């Protein structure tokens, strides 16, 4: 029997375009889980480049790593700065409630 080799799946490797990144962030936002949303932001930031993100935000290179760390709970103002620096926008739509 041959050995199966696996590797860790990294979503950042598949986020090629701004549209991919926006769709990924929207999907995370729809789940309603703040930690999942922050993880998606972290994946997008890694896809675009953390150093580039830091420059866009006018921060040191380590700041985005810290702000988007799984152990952190960034303030909403920080989230908005990161989203903007990534070239994305957040939008609100009415919640669709099921009948019944």
Protein backbone atom coordinates (compact mmCIF):
# COMPACT_ATOMS: atom_id res chain seq x y z
CA UNK A 1 0.00 0.00 0.00
CA UNK A 2 1.39 3.42 -0.93
CA UNK A 3 1.60 6.20 1.57
CA UNK A 4 -0.67 9.18 0.99
CA UNK A 5 1.03 12.49 1.44
CA UNK A 6 -0.94 15.53 2.42
CA UNK A 7 -0.20 19.15 2.98
CA UNK A 8 -1.96 21.88 4.88
CA UNK A 9 -4.58 23.64 2.78
CA UNK A 10 -3.96 27.38 2.66
CA UNK A 11 -6.87 29.49 1.39
CA UNK A 12 -4.50 32.40 0.70
CA UNK A 13 -3.03 30.39 -2.19
CA UNK A 14 -6.42 30.42 -3.96
CA UNK A 15 -7.32 34.08 -3.49
CA UNK A 16 -6.10 35.36 -6.85
CA UNK A 17 -8.31 38.35 -7.63
CA UNK A 18 -10.09 41.14 -5.79
CA UNK A 19 -13.37 39.44 -6.70
CA UNK A 20 -12.18 36.16 -5.12
CA UNK A 21 -11.20 38.03 -1.97
CA UNK A 22 -14.49 39.94 -1.77
CA UNK A 23 -16.53 36.74 -2.23
CA UNK A 24 -14.45 34.96 0.43
CA UNK A 25 -14.93 37.81 2.89
CA UNK A 26 -18.67 37.98 2.15
CA UNK A 27 -19.02 34.24 2.78
CA UNK A 28 -17.21 34.58 6.11
CA UNK A 29 -19.35 37.58 7.07
CA UNK A 30 -22.56 35.68 6.27
CA UNK A 31 -21.63 33.04 8.86
CA UNK A 32 -21.95 35.62 11.63
CA UNK A 33 -18.83 34.40 13.42
CA UNK A 34 -16.36 37.17 14.31
CA UNK A 35 -13.39 34.82 14.60
CA UNK A 36 -14.14 33.31 11.17
CA UNK A 37 -14.40 36.81 9.69
CA UNK A 38 -11.05 37.79 11.23
CA UNK A 39 -9.49 34.57 9.92
CA UNK A 40 -10.77 35.37 6.43
CA UNK A 41 -9.27 38.87 6.69
CA UNK A 42 -5.98 37.29 7.75
CA UNK A 43 -6.06 34.92 4.75
CA UNK A 44 -6.75 37.81 2.37
CA UNK A 45 -4.01 39.90 3.96
CA UNK A 46 -1.54 37.04 3.50
CA UNK A 47 -2.65 36.64 -0.13
CA UNK A 48 -2.06 40.34 -0.81
CA UNK A 49 1.02 40.52 1.38
CA UNK A 50 1.22 41.57 5.02
CA UNK A 51 4.04 44.04 4.32
CA UNK A 52 1.96 45.71 1.64
CA UNK A 53 -1.00 45.88 4.03
CA UNK A 54 1.19 47.46 6.70
CA UNK A 55 2.38 50.11 4.22
CA UNK A 56 -1.20 50.86 3.11
CA UNK A 57 -2.21 51.28 6.75
CA UNK A 58 0.84 53.38 7.59
CA UNK A 59 1.95 50.90 10.26
CA UNK A 60 5.00 48.84 11.05
CA UNK A 61 5.34 45.44 9.38
CA UNK A 62 4.40 43.50 12.53
CA UNK A 63 1.20 45.44 13.28
CA UNK A 64 -1.14 43.61 10.86
CA UNK A 65 0.17 40.25 12.08
CA UNK A 66 -0.66 41.23 15.64
CA UNK A 67 -4.03 42.83 14.83
CA UNK A 68 -5.21 39.78 12.86
CA UNK A 69 -3.70 37.17 15.16
CA UNK A 70 -6.10 34.38 16.21
CA UNK A 71 -5.46 35.33 19.84
CA UNK A 72 -6.49 38.96 19.30
CA UNK A 73 -9.95 40.51 19.16
CA UNK A 74 -9.44 43.59 16.98
CA UNK A 75 -11.61 46.65 17.47
CA UNK A 76 -14.12 47.45 14.75
CA UNK A 77 -12.13 50.54 13.77
CA UNK A 78 -9.12 48.29 13.12
CA UNK A 79 -11.26 45.93 11.03
CA UNK A 80 -12.48 48.85 8.93
CA UNK A 81 -8.90 50.08 8.39
CA UNK A 82 -7.76 46.61 7.33
CA UNK A 83 -10.71 46.13 4.97
CA UNK A 84 -10.07 49.52 3.37
CA UNK A 85 -6.31 48.92 3.08
CA UNK A 86 -7.08 45.62 1.32
CA UNK A 87 -9.12 47.54 -1.25
CA UNK A 88 -12.43 46.07 -0.09
CA UNK A 89 -15.69 47.44 1.31
CA UNK A 90 -18.28 46.08 3.71
CA UNK A 91 -21.93 46.31 2.73
CA UNK A 92 -25.16 45.71 4.61
CA UNK A 93 -28.27 44.12 3.16
CA UNK A 94 -31.59 43.35 4.81
CA UNK A 95 -31.72 39.99 6.55
CA UNK A 96 -34.02 37.57 4.74
CA UNK A 97 -36.20 35.80 7.27
CA UNK A 98 -37.84 32.50 6.45
CA UNK A 99 -41.63 32.35 6.57
CA UNK A 100 -43.16 30.23 9.22
